Amino acid sequence: MNKLLEKAIQEVEALPEEAQQRIARLLEEEVHKERQATALPQGRWARLVERMRREAPMRGKSEEFLRSVREFRDNFDMRLKPADE
């Protein structure tokens, strides 16, 4: 373990339980953020997917709209040629 991190943990151990829990939550959040940042690909499409996931564009839409979108998605086939060819 990093010497600086070891020293910080020793100092935290000397604090009251409530302060230790607060610091532990902060550390846990930072570790989680770091893992996400390093695990996610940094490509253009990956950023778009992450943004769409956060914004949830379908939230609040009517069931009829969702059904029509799902129907279009399910029937979409790139292998079919356009009718006018």
N, C-alpha and C. Protein backbone atom coordinates (compact mmCIF):
# COMPACT_ATOMS: atom_id res chain seq x y z
N MET A 1 0.85 -1.18 0.00
CA MET A 1 0.00 0.00 0.00
C MET A 1 0.89 1.24 0.00
N ASN A 2 0.44 2.27 -0.60
CA ASN A 2 1.14 3.53 -0.67
C ASN A 2 1.37 4.09 0.74
N LYS A 3 2.56 4.59 1.00
CA LYS A 3 2.91 5.12 2.33
C LYS A 3 1.98 6.25 2.75
N LEU A 4 1.65 7.13 1.82
CA LEU A 4 0.76 8.25 2.13
C LEU A 4 -0.62 7.76 2.52
N LEU A 5 -1.10 6.74 1.82
CA LEU A 5 -2.40 6.17 2.14
C LEU A 5 -2.38 5.48 3.50
N GLU A 6 -1.30 4.78 3.80
CA GLU A 6 -1.15 4.13 5.11
C GLU A 6 -1.19 5.16 6.24
N LYS A 7 -0.48 6.27 6.04
CA LYS A 7 -0.46 7.33 7.05
C LYS A 7 -1.85 7.92 7.24
N ALA A 8 -2.56 8.14 6.13
CA ALA A 8 -3.90 8.71 6.22
C ALA A 8 -4.84 7.77 6.97
N ILE A 9 -4.73 6.48 6.73
CA ILE A 9 -5.58 5.50 7.42
C ILE A 9 -5.28 5.50 8.91
N GLN A 10 -4.02 5.61 9.27
CA GLN A 10 -3.66 5.66 10.69
C GLN A 10 -4.26 6.89 11.36
N GLU A 11 -4.24 8.02 10.66
CA GLU A 11 -4.81 9.25 11.22
C GLU A 11 -6.33 9.14 11.35
N VAL A 12 -6.96 8.50 10.38
CA VAL A 12 -8.41 8.32 10.43
C VAL A 12 -8.81 7.42 11.59
N GLU A 13 -8.01 6.41 11.86
CA GLU A 13 -8.31 5.50 12.97
C GLU A 13 -8.37 6.22 14.31
N ALA A 14 -7.68 7.35 14.43
CA ALA A 14 -7.67 8.11 15.68
C ALA A 14 -8.91 9.00 15.84
N LEU A 15 -9.71 9.12 14.78
CA LEU A 15 -10.90 9.98 14.82
C LEU A 15 -12.09 9.22 15.42
N PRO A 16 -13.12 9.96 15.82
CA PRO A 16 -14.34 9.33 16.32
C PRO A 16 -15.01 8.48 15.21
N GLU A 17 -15.83 7.53 15.63
CA GLU A 17 -16.47 6.58 14.71
C GLU A 17 -17.26 7.28 13.60
N GLU A 18 -18.01 8.32 13.96
CA GLU A 18 -18.82 9.04 12.98
C GLU A 18 -17.95 9.65 11.88
N ALA A 19 -16.85 10.26 12.27
CA ALA A 19 -15.93 10.85 11.29
C ALA A 19 -15.29 9.77 10.43
N GLN A 20 -14.97 8.62 11.02
CA GLN A 20 -14.41 7.52 10.26
C GLN A 20 -15.38 7.03 9.18
N GLN A 21 -16.65 6.92 9.55
CA GLN A 21 -17.65 6.46 8.59
C GLN A 21 -17.81 7.45 7.44
N ARG A 22 -17.81 8.74 7.76
CA ARG A 22 -17.95 9.77 6.74
C ARG A 22 -16.77 9.72 5.76
N ILE A 23 -15.57 9.59 6.30
CA ILE A 23 -14.37 9.52 5.46
C ILE A 23 -14.37 8.23 4.64
N ALA A 24 -14.81 7.13 5.24
CA ALA A 24 -14.87 5.86 4.53
C ALA A 24 -15.83 5.94 3.35
N ARG A 25 -16.98 6.60 3.53
CA ARG A 25 -17.94 6.77 2.42
C ARG A 25 -17.32 7.60 1.30
N LEU A 26 -16.62 8.66 1.68
CA LEU A 26 -15.98 9.51 0.67
C LEU A 26 -14.92 8.72 -0.12
N LEU A 27 -14.13 7.95 0.60
CA LEU A 27 -13.11 7.13 -0.06
C LEU A 27 -13.75 6.12 -1.00
N GLU A 28 -14.81 5.49 -0.53
CA GLU A 28 -15.51 4.50 -1.34
C GLU A 28 -16.06 5.13 -2.62
N GLU A 29 -16.66 6.32 -2.51
CA GLU A 29 -17.17 7.03 -3.69
C GLU A 29 -16.05 7.35 -4.67
N GLU A 30 -14.93 7.81 -4.15
CA GLU A 30 -13.80 8.17 -5.02
C GLU A 30 -13.23 6.94 -5.73
N VAL A 31 -13.13 5.83 -5.01
CA VAL A 31 -12.64 4.60 -5.62
C VAL A 31 -13.59 4.16 -6.72
N HIS A 32 -14.90 4.24 -6.46
CA HIS A 32 -15.90 3.86 -7.45
C HIS A 32 -15.79 4.74 -8.70
N LYS A 33 -15.66 6.05 -8.49
CA LYS A 33 -15.51 6.98 -9.63
C LYS A 33 -14.28 6.65 -10.45
N GLU A 34 -13.18 6.37 -9.77
CA GLU A 34 -11.92 6.06 -10.46
C GLU A 34 -12.04 4.78 -11.26
N ARG A 35 -12.68 3.77 -10.69
CA ARG A 35 -12.86 2.51 -11.42
C ARG A 35 -13.72 2.72 -12.65
N GLN A 36 -14.77 3.50 -12.53
CA GLN A 36 -15.63 3.77 -13.67
C GLN A 36 -14.88 4.53 -14.75
N ALA A 37 -14.10 5.50 -14.33
CA ALA A 37 -13.36 6.32 -15.30
C ALA A 37 -12.34 5.49 -16.06
N THR A 38 -11.70 4.54 -15.40
CA THR A 38 -10.69 3.73 -16.08
C THR A 38 -11.30 2.56 -16.83
N ALA A 39 -12.49 2.11 -16.41
CA ALA A 39 -13.10 0.94 -17.04
C ALA A 39 -13.84 1.30 -18.33
N LEU A 40 -14.39 2.50 -18.40
CA LEU A 40 -15.18 2.87 -19.58
C LEU A 40 -14.27 3.25 -20.74
N PRO A 41 -14.59 2.74 -21.92
CA PRO A 41 -13.83 3.19 -23.09
C PRO A 41 -14.09 4.68 -23.32
N GLN A 42 -13.10 5.37 -23.80
CA GLN A 42 -13.23 6.81 -23.95
C GLN A 42 -13.62 7.23 -25.36
N GLY A 43 -14.12 6.29 -26.15
CA GLY A 43 -14.52 6.60 -27.51
C GLY A 43 -15.77 7.48 -27.58
N ARG A 44 -15.98 8.03 -28.74
CA ARG A 44 -17.11 8.93 -28.97
C ARG A 44 -18.45 8.23 -28.70
N TRP A 45 -18.60 7.01 -29.18
CA TRP A 45 -19.85 6.29 -29.00
C TRP A 45 -20.06 5.89 -27.55
N ALA A 46 -19.00 5.54 -26.87
CA ALA A 46 -19.12 5.19 -25.45
C ALA A 46 -19.59 6.39 -24.63
N ARG A 47 -19.09 7.57 -24.97
CA ARG A 47 -19.53 8.78 -24.26
C ARG A 47 -21.01 9.05 -24.54
N LEU A 48 -21.43 8.83 -25.79
CA LEU A 48 -22.84 9.04 -26.14
C LEU A 48 -23.74 8.06 -25.37
N VAL A 49 -23.33 6.80 -25.31
CA VAL A 49 -24.11 5.81 -24.58
C VAL A 49 -24.21 6.18 -23.11
N GLU A 50 -23.11 6.60 -22.52
CA GLU A 50 -23.13 7.00 -21.11
C GLU A 50 -24.05 8.19 -20.89
N ARG A 51 -24.02 9.15 -21.80
CA ARG A 51 -24.88 10.33 -21.67
C ARG A 51 -26.35 9.94 -21.79
N MET A 52 -26.67 9.07 -22.75
CA MET A 52 -28.05 8.63 -22.92
C MET A 52 -28.53 7.85 -21.69
N ARG A 53 -27.64 7.04 -21.12
CA ARG A 53 -28.01 6.29 -19.92
C ARG A 53 -28.35 7.24 -18.77
N ARG A 54 -27.55 8.29 -18.61
CA ARG A 54 -27.77 9.26 -17.53
C ARG A 54 -29.06 10.04 -17.74
N GLU A 55 -29.31 10.46 -18.98
CA GLU A 55 -30.44 11.34 -19.25
C GLU A 55 -31.77 10.60 -19.39
N ALA A 56 -31.74 9.30 -19.65
CA ALA A 56 -32.94 8.47 -19.79
C ALA A 56 -33.99 9.16 -20.66
N PRO A 57 -33.75 9.30 -21.96
CA PRO A 57 -34.64 10.07 -22.83
C PRO A 57 -36.05 9.51 -22.93
N MET A 58 -36.27 8.23 -22.61
CA MET A 58 -37.59 7.65 -22.73
C MET A 58 -38.43 7.83 -21.46
N ARG A 59 -37.85 8.36 -20.41
CA ARG A 59 -38.58 8.55 -19.17
C ARG A 59 -39.74 9.53 -19.39
N GLY A 60 -40.92 9.16 -18.95
CA GLY A 60 -42.07 10.04 -19.05
C GLY A 60 -42.82 9.94 -20.37
N LYS A 61 -42.40 9.09 -21.29
CA LYS A 61 -43.08 8.94 -22.58
C LYS A 61 -44.27 8.02 -22.42
N SER A 62 -45.25 8.22 -23.27
CA SER A 62 -46.45 7.39 -23.19
C SER A 62 -46.16 5.96 -23.64
N GLU A 63 -46.98 5.04 -23.18
CA GLU A 63 -46.82 3.64 -23.56
C GLU A 63 -46.98 3.46 -25.07
N GLU A 64 -47.87 4.22 -25.68
CA GLU A 64 -48.09 4.11 -27.14
C GLU A 64 -46.81 4.47 -27.89
N PHE A 65 -46.15 5.54 -27.49
CA PHE A 65 -44.90 5.94 -28.13
C PHE A 65 -43.83 4.86 -27.94
N LEU A 66 -43.71 4.36 -26.72
CA LEU A 66 -42.73 3.32 -26.46
C LEU A 66 -43.02 2.07 -27.29
N ARG A 67 -44.30 1.71 -27.42
CA ARG A 67 -44.66 0.54 -28.21
C ARG A 67 -44.27 0.74 -29.67
N SER A 68 -44.52 1.93 -30.22
CA SER A 68 -44.18 2.18 -31.63
C SER A 68 -42.66 2.18 -31.85
N VAL A 69 -41.91 2.69 -30.90
CA VAL A 69 -40.45 2.66 -31.01
C VAL A 69 -39.94 1.23 -30.95
N ARG A 70 -40.48 0.45 -30.03
CA ARG A 70 -40.06 -0.95 -29.93
C ARG A 70 -40.42 -1.73 -31.18
N GLU A 71 -41.60 -1.47 -31.74
CA GLU A 71 -42.03 -2.16 -32.97
C GLU A 71 -41.08 -1.82 -34.11
N PHE A 72 -40.73 -0.54 -34.26
CA PHE A 72 -39.79 -0.13 -35.30
C PHE A 72 -38.45 -0.83 -35.10
N ARG A 73 -37.96 -0.82 -33.86
CA ARG A 73 -36.67 -1.46 -33.56
C ARG A 73 -36.70 -2.94 -33.89
N ASP A 74 -37.75 -3.62 -33.50
CA ASP A 74 -37.83 -5.06 -33.71
C ASP A 74 -37.97 -5.43 -35.18
N ASN A 75 -38.59 -4.57 -35.99
CA ASN A 75 -38.80 -4.87 -37.40
C ASN A 75 -37.70 -4.32 -38.30
N PHE A 76 -36.78 -3.58 -37.76
CA PHE A 76 -35.71 -2.98 -38.55
C PHE A 76 -34.69 -4.04 -38.93
N ASP A 77 -34.41 -4.15 -40.21
CA ASP A 77 -33.48 -5.19 -40.68
C ASP A 77 -32.58 -4.57 -41.74
N MET A 78 -31.30 -4.50 -41.44
CA MET A 78 -30.33 -3.89 -42.37
C MET A 78 -30.11 -4.78 -43.60
N ARG A 79 -30.49 -6.04 -43.55
CA ARG A 79 -30.24 -6.95 -44.67
C ARG A 79 -31.22 -6.74 -45.80
N LEU A 80 -32.37 -6.13 -45.54
CA LEU A 80 -33.37 -5.91 -46.58
C LEU A 80 -32.98 -4.73 -47.45
N LYS A 81 -33.22 -4.86 -48.75
CA LYS A 81 -32.96 -3.76 -49.68
C LYS A 81 -34.18 -2.86 -49.73
N PRO A 82 -33.98 -1.58 -50.05
CA PRO A 82 -35.12 -0.67 -50.20
C PRO A 82 -36.06 -1.18 -51.29
N ALA A 83 -37.34 -0.87 -51.19
CA ALA A 83 -38.36 -1.36 -52.11
C ALA A 83 -38.16 -0.85 -53.54
N ASP A 84 -37.55 0.31 -53.72
CA ASP A 84 -37.43 0.89 -55.06
C ASP A 84 -36.24 0.36 -55.85
N GLU A 85 -35.48 -0.58 -55.33
CA GLU A 85 -34.35 -1.12 -56.07
C GLU A 85 -34.73 -2.34 -56.84
